[in-house]
């Protein structure tokens, strides 16, 4: 049996009187590609935000390799800070949470590409490499970290070669065609050395050929980097081609879970979602 890498149990996320995610339980196992699909406003991105520490669920728990990853999210710590609880020491502690989650082995891309447009392709990936750096201010000032810096630059070039981006290393990220910007964003996520990669609508805005290229690319990086992948996506051709299992949300509630064949033939899913245009945005 495959090792469980991500486990959400009875996760509920409320915003005032609005329940965005309602009692969601799901699993991602080692080496799987798992998709989360559903109509606009179904709660998919909210669920992702609970996994990556942007939100702390109102109820339920999120575990990564058996460890709670929401032991103090930015959202939860801000609430405690405003409540005057002494164990929240500073805003700096709050902003360190995404770093901690990344170092645990979780990386994420976003529906709206978030590259450093004014930096080169190489520098976008190198910045992500620094998440794993074993250096401090003292060693940086005295240039004691030059060997590590050289290693990170070499690893950055290796990653760019593997992703077919090496010939673009000196190009500004903002100058790349849309499909290559998506690929660069994924390459930057890979630079943090994740074991779980979350992809938030990676095919959004792509034409059919770009979508097929992305499908092949995701399959390849899964094998090359021994990844587990958790994905939100509206393009059903992509979802059905590469997913091992699919979860379906509707109005924040899980309505189906199964293999691609099972989901395609589930009448409740067909009624709620599969008649909706592939090009809809979350």
Protein backbone atom coordinates (compact mmCIF):
# COMPACT_ATOMS: atom_id res chain seq x y z
CA UNK A 1 0.00 0.00 0.00
CA UNK A 2 1.31 3.47 -0.91
CA UNK A 3 2.43 5.83 1.82
CA UNK A 4 -0.07 8.55 2.64
CA UNK A 5 1.57 11.93 2.11
CA UNK A 6 -1.32 14.40 2.55
CA UNK A 7 -4.42 13.88 4.68
CA UNK A 8 -7.32 16.29 5.16
CA UNK A 9 -9.82 15.19 7.77
CA UNK A 10 -13.22 16.86 8.20
CA UNK A 11 -11.81 20.20 7.05
CA UNK A 12 -14.35 23.01 7.29
CA UNK A 13 -13.59 26.65 6.43
CA UNK A 14 -16.08 29.33 7.34
CA UNK A 15 -15.96 33.03 6.54
CA UNK A 16 -18.62 34.55 8.74
CA UNK A 17 -21.83 32.81 7.74
CA UNK A 18 -20.38 31.43 4.50
CA UNK A 19 -19.10 27.84 4.57
CA UNK A 20 -16.54 27.69 1.74
CA UNK A 21 -15.40 24.12 2.50
CA UNK A 22 -17.68 21.76 4.37
CA UNK A 23 -16.38 18.64 6.15
CA UNK A 24 -13.81 17.71 3.48
CA UNK A 25 -11.80 14.52 3.92
CA UNK A 26 -9.30 13.47 1.25
CA UNK A 27 -5.92 11.80 0.80
CA UNK A 28 -2.97 12.04 -1.56
CA UNK A 29 -0.67 9.02 -1.56
CA UNK A 30 2.99 8.85 -2.50
CA UNK A 31 3.49 8.99 -6.27
CA UNK A 32 -0.13 9.83 -7.09
CA UNK A 33 -1.62 12.60 -9.17
CA UNK A 34 -4.86 13.61 -7.48
CA UNK A 35 -7.22 16.21 -8.95
CA UNK A 36 -9.74 18.40 -7.16
CA UNK A 37 -12.47 19.56 -9.52
CA UNK A 38 -15.83 21.31 -9.31
CA UNK A 39 -17.82 24.31 -10.50
CA UNK A 40 -16.79 27.91 -9.89
CA UNK A 41 -17.04 28.79 -6.22
CA UNK A 42 -17.02 25.14 -5.15
CA UNK A 43 -14.26 25.75 -2.57
CA UNK A 44 -11.30 24.27 -4.41
CA UNK A 45 -8.87 27.16 -3.94
CA UNK A 46 -9.98 27.55 -0.32
CA UNK A 47 -9.05 23.90 0.24
CA UNK A 48 -5.62 24.55 -1.33
CA UNK A 49 -5.17 27.58 0.91
CA UNK A 50 -5.82 25.38 3.94
CA UNK A 51 -3.10 22.97 2.80
CA UNK A 52 -0.51 25.70 2.20
CA UNK A 53 -1.10 27.57 5.43
CA UNK A 54 -2.83 30.65 4.06
CA UNK A 55 -5.93 29.69 6.05
CA UNK A 56 -6.33 27.73 9.25
CA UNK A 57 -9.53 25.66 9.00
CA UNK A 58 -12.40 26.51 11.29
CA UNK A 59 -12.61 22.77 12.02
CA UNK A 60 -10.68 19.68 11.00
CA UNK A 61 -7.02 18.97 10.42
CA UNK A 62 -4.44 18.86 7.66
CA UNK A 63 -1.49 16.47 7.99
CA UNK A 64 1.60 16.14 5.80
CA UNK A 65 3.46 12.87 6.30
CA UNK A 66 1.61 12.48 9.59
CA UNK A 67 2.57 15.92 10.92
CA UNK A 68 0.09 18.77 11.38
CA UNK A 69 1.08 21.53 8.99
CA UNK A 70 -1.40 24.07 10.33
CA UNK A 71 0.11 24.53 13.77
CA UNK A 72 -0.04 28.28 13.41
CA UNK A 73 -0.93 29.56 9.96
CA UNK A 74 -0.73 33.26 9.07
CA UNK A 75 -4.53 33.46 9.28
CA UNK A 76 -4.67 31.72 12.66
CA UNK A 77 -1.72 33.60 14.14
CA UNK A 78 -3.20 36.95 13.15
CA UNK A 79 -6.38 36.06 15.01
CA UNK A 80 -4.33 35.12 18.08
CA UNK A 81 -2.21 38.25 17.79
CA UNK A 82 -5.26 40.48 17.73
CA UNK A 83 -6.67 38.54 20.68
CA UNK A 84 -3.51 39.33 22.66
CA UNK A 85 -2.30 35.76 23.14
CA UNK A 86 1.29 35.91 24.40
CA UNK A 87 2.74 32.98 22.42
CA UNK A 88 2.42 34.92 19.15
CA UNK A 89 5.54 37.04 19.45
CA UNK A 90 5.65 39.08 16.25
CA UNK A 91 4.48 39.68 12.71
CA UNK A 92 7.85 38.16 11.65
CA UNK A 93 6.82 34.85 13.22
CA UNK A 94 3.57 34.94 11.22
CA UNK A 95 5.31 35.51 7.91
CA UNK A 96 7.74 32.63 8.57
CA UNK A 97 4.91 30.08 8.21
CA UNK A 98 5.09 29.71 4.38
CA UNK A 99 8.86 29.14 4.68
CA UNK A 100 8.27 26.36 7.20
CA UNK A 101 5.70 24.66 5.00
CA UNK A 102 7.99 24.90 1.97
CA UNK A 103 10.84 23.36 3.93
CA UNK A 104 8.55 20.51 4.96
CA UNK A 105 8.39 19.61 1.26
CA UNK A 106 5.29 21.32 -0.13
CA UNK A 107 5.44 23.65 -3.14
CA UNK A 108 2.63 25.44 -4.96
CA UNK A 109 1.89 27.29 -8.16
CA UNK A 110 -0.98 29.74 -8.62
CA UNK A 111 -3.72 30.24 -11.18
CA UNK A 112 -2.42 33.75 -11.76
CA UNK A 113 1.28 33.39 -12.59
CA UNK A 114 3.47 34.95 -9.89
CA UNK A 115 6.91 35.16 -11.42
CA UNK A 116 9.42 37.94 -10.82
CA UNK A 117 8.86 39.48 -14.25
CA UNK A 118 11.80 41.89 -14.09
CA UNK A 119 14.27 39.09 -13.25
CA UNK A 120 15.78 36.54 -15.60
CA UNK A 121 14.63 32.97 -15.96
CA UNK A 122 17.80 31.87 -14.16
CA UNK A 123 17.32 34.25 -11.22
CA UNK A 124 13.68 33.24 -10.75
CA UNK A 125 14.76 29.65 -10.15
CA UNK A 126 17.89 30.56 -8.16
CA UNK A 127 15.82 32.56 -5.69
CA UNK A 128 13.74 29.47 -4.97
CA UNK A 129 16.93 27.44 -4.48
CA UNK A 130 17.82 29.70 -1.55
CA UNK A 131 14.91 28.17 0.40
CA UNK A 132 17.21 25.20 1.00
CA UNK A 133 20.35 27.23 1.62
CA UNK A 134 22.40 26.47 4.74
CA UNK A 135 23.71 29.97 5.24
CA UNK A 136 23.19 32.96 7.49
CA UNK A 137 23.91 36.70 7.43
CA UNK A 138 27.39 36.24 8.94
CA UNK A 139 28.53 33.66 6.38
CA UNK A 140 27.07 35.72 3.52
CA UNK A 141 28.88 38.90 4.57
CA UNK A 142 32.21 37.11 4.87
CA UNK A 143 31.66 35.14 1.66
CA UNK A 144 32.01 31.91 3.58
CA UNK A 145 29.14 30.46 1.60
CA UNK A 146 30.72 30.68 -1.85
CA UNK A 147 30.80 26.89 -2.25
CA UNK A 148 27.12 26.61 -1.48
CA UNK A 149 26.31 29.50 -3.80
CA UNK A 150 28.22 27.75 -6.59
CA UNK A 151 26.35 24.52 -5.88
CA UNK A 152 22.98 26.30 -6.05
CA UNK A 153 23.88 27.96 -9.34
CA UNK A 154 24.97 24.63 -10.81
CA UNK A 155 21.77 22.97 -9.62
CA UNK A 156 19.71 25.81 -11.07
CA UNK A 157 21.28 25.30 -14.50
CA UNK A 158 20.73 21.55 -14.27
CA UNK A 159 17.06 22.09 -13.46
CA UNK A 160 16.65 24.55 -16.35
CA UNK A 161 18.23 22.04 -18.73
CA UNK A 162 15.88 19.30 -17.53
CA UNK A 163 12.87 21.57 -18.07
CA UNK A 164 13.98 22.72 -21.52
CA UNK A 165 14.56 26.29 -20.36
CA UNK A 166 18.36 26.52 -20.32
CA UNK A 167 18.54 28.41 -23.62
CA UNK A 168 16.29 31.08 -22.09
CA UNK A 169 18.25 31.54 -18.87
CA UNK A 170 19.12 35.19 -19.55
CA UNK A 171 15.66 36.19 -20.80
CA UNK A 172 13.38 38.24 -18.57
CA UNK A 173 10.57 36.09 -17.19
CA UNK A 174 8.00 38.63 -18.40
CA UNK A 175 9.21 38.24 -22.00
CA UNK A 176 8.40 34.52 -22.22
CA UNK A 177 5.31 33.22 -24.01
CA UNK A 178 2.48 32.26 -21.68
CA UNK A 179 3.08 28.50 -21.83
CA UNK A 180 6.77 28.92 -21.00
CA UNK A 181 5.93 31.20 -18.09
CA UNK A 182 3.80 28.38 -16.70
CA UNK A 183 6.69 25.97 -17.16
CA UNK A 184 9.06 28.39 -15.44
CA UNK A 185 6.70 28.77 -12.50
CA UNK A 186 6.64 24.99 -12.08
CA UNK A 187 10.45 24.85 -12.44
CA UNK A 188 10.74 27.44 -9.68
CA UNK A 189 8.51 25.31 -7.45
CA UNK A 190 10.68 22.26 -8.21
CA UNK A 191 13.76 24.23 -7.10
CA UNK A 192 12.48 24.08 -3.50
CA UNK A 193 12.85 20.26 -3.69
CA UNK A 194 9.25 19.34 -2.84
CA UNK A 195 7.80 15.92 -2.35
CA UNK A 196 4.27 17.28 -2.81
CA UNK A 197 3.52 19.74 -5.63
CA UNK A 198 0.23 21.65 -5.68
CA UNK A 199 -0.82 22.97 -9.07
CA UNK A 200 -3.63 25.55 -9.10
CA UNK A 201 -5.18 25.49 -12.59
CA UNK A 202 -1.89 25.06 -14.46
CA UNK A 203 -3.64 24.97 -17.84
CA UNK A 204 -5.67 28.16 -17.29
CA UNK A 205 -5.51 30.32 -20.42
CA UNK A 206 -3.70 27.74 -22.54
CA UNK A 207 -4.63 26.71 -26.06
CA UNK A 208 -5.12 22.98 -26.87
CA UNK A 209 -1.49 22.42 -27.96
CA UNK A 210 -0.10 24.18 -24.87
CA UNK A 211 -2.44 22.11 -22.71
CA UNK A 212 -1.21 18.87 -24.26
CA UNK A 213 2.41 19.96 -23.84
CA UNK A 214 1.68 20.74 -20.19
CA UNK A 215 0.03 17.33 -19.73
CA UNK A 216 3.17 15.60 -20.99
CA UNK A 217 5.33 17.92 -18.87
CA UNK A 218 3.46 17.09 -15.65
CA UNK A 219 3.74 13.37 -16.33
CA UNK A 220 7.49 13.75 -16.90
CA UNK A 221 8.28 15.80 -13.79
CA UNK A 222 6.28 13.38 -11.65
CA UNK A 223 8.61 10.59 -12.74
CA UNK A 224 11.82 12.64 -12.80
CA UNK A 225 11.35 14.08 -9.31
CA UNK A 226 9.39 11.26 -7.63
CA UNK A 227 6.58 13.68 -6.89
CA UNK A 228 3.09 13.43 -5.54
CA UNK A 229 0.86 16.00 -7.24
CA UNK A 230 -2.37 17.58 -6.00
CA UNK A 231 -4.05 19.63 -8.69
CA UNK A 232 -7.01 21.93 -9.31
CA UNK A 233 -7.94 22.01 -12.97
CA UNK A 234 -10.94 22.81 -15.21
CA UNK A 235 -9.55 21.24 -18.39
CA UNK A 236 -11.12 17.81 -18.24
CA UNK A 237 -8.96 16.31 -20.99
CA UNK A 238 -5.88 17.03 -18.87
CA UNK A 239 -7.54 15.82 -15.65
CA UNK A 240 -8.76 12.56 -17.15
CA UNK A 241 -5.42 11.82 -18.86
CA UNK A 242 -3.13 12.13 -15.88
CA UNK A 243 -5.12 11.74 -12.64
CA UNK A 244 -4.97 8.57 -10.59
CA UNK A 245 -7.94 9.71 -8.51
CA UNK A 246 -10.34 12.65 -8.57
CA UNK A 247 -12.29 14.43 -5.84
CA UNK A 248 -15.30 16.55 -6.80
CA UNK A 249 -16.54 19.52 -4.75
CA UNK A 250 -19.85 21.31 -5.14
CA UNK A 251 -20.79 24.22 -2.86
CA UNK A 252 -17.91 23.26 -0.58
CA UNK A 253 -19.12 19.68 -0.11
CA UNK A 254 -17.49 16.52 -1.44
CA UNK A 255 -19.98 14.88 -3.81
CA UNK A 256 -17.82 12.19 -5.43
CA UNK A 257 -14.42 10.51 -5.32
CA UNK A 258 -12.96 7.89 -7.60
CA UNK A 259 -10.95 7.03 -10.68
CA UNK A 260 -11.35 9.08 -13.87
CA UNK A 261 -13.67 6.44 -15.35
CA UNK A 262 -15.83 6.41 -12.22
CA UNK A 263 -16.07 10.21 -12.16
CA UNK A 264 -16.93 10.47 -15.85
CA UNK A 265 -19.84 8.10 -15.32
CA UNK A 266 -21.10 9.53 -12.03
CA UNK A 267 -24.54 11.04 -12.66
CA UNK A 268 -24.27 13.45 -9.74
CA UNK A 269 -20.97 14.80 -11.08
CA UNK A 270 -22.38 15.09 -14.60
CA UNK A 271 -25.34 17.08 -13.30
CA UNK A 272 -23.24 19.33 -11.07
CA UNK A 273 -20.16 19.92 -13.17
CA UNK A 274 -19.17 18.00 -16.26
CA UNK A 275 -21.58 19.95 -18.44
CA UNK A 276 -19.78 23.17 -17.52
CA UNK A 277 -17.31 24.72 -19.99
CA UNK A 278 -13.68 23.68 -19.60
CA UNK A 279 -12.65 27.31 -19.87
CA UNK A 280 -14.45 28.49 -16.75
CA UNK A 281 -12.20 30.08 -14.12
CA UNK A 282 -12.34 29.48 -10.38
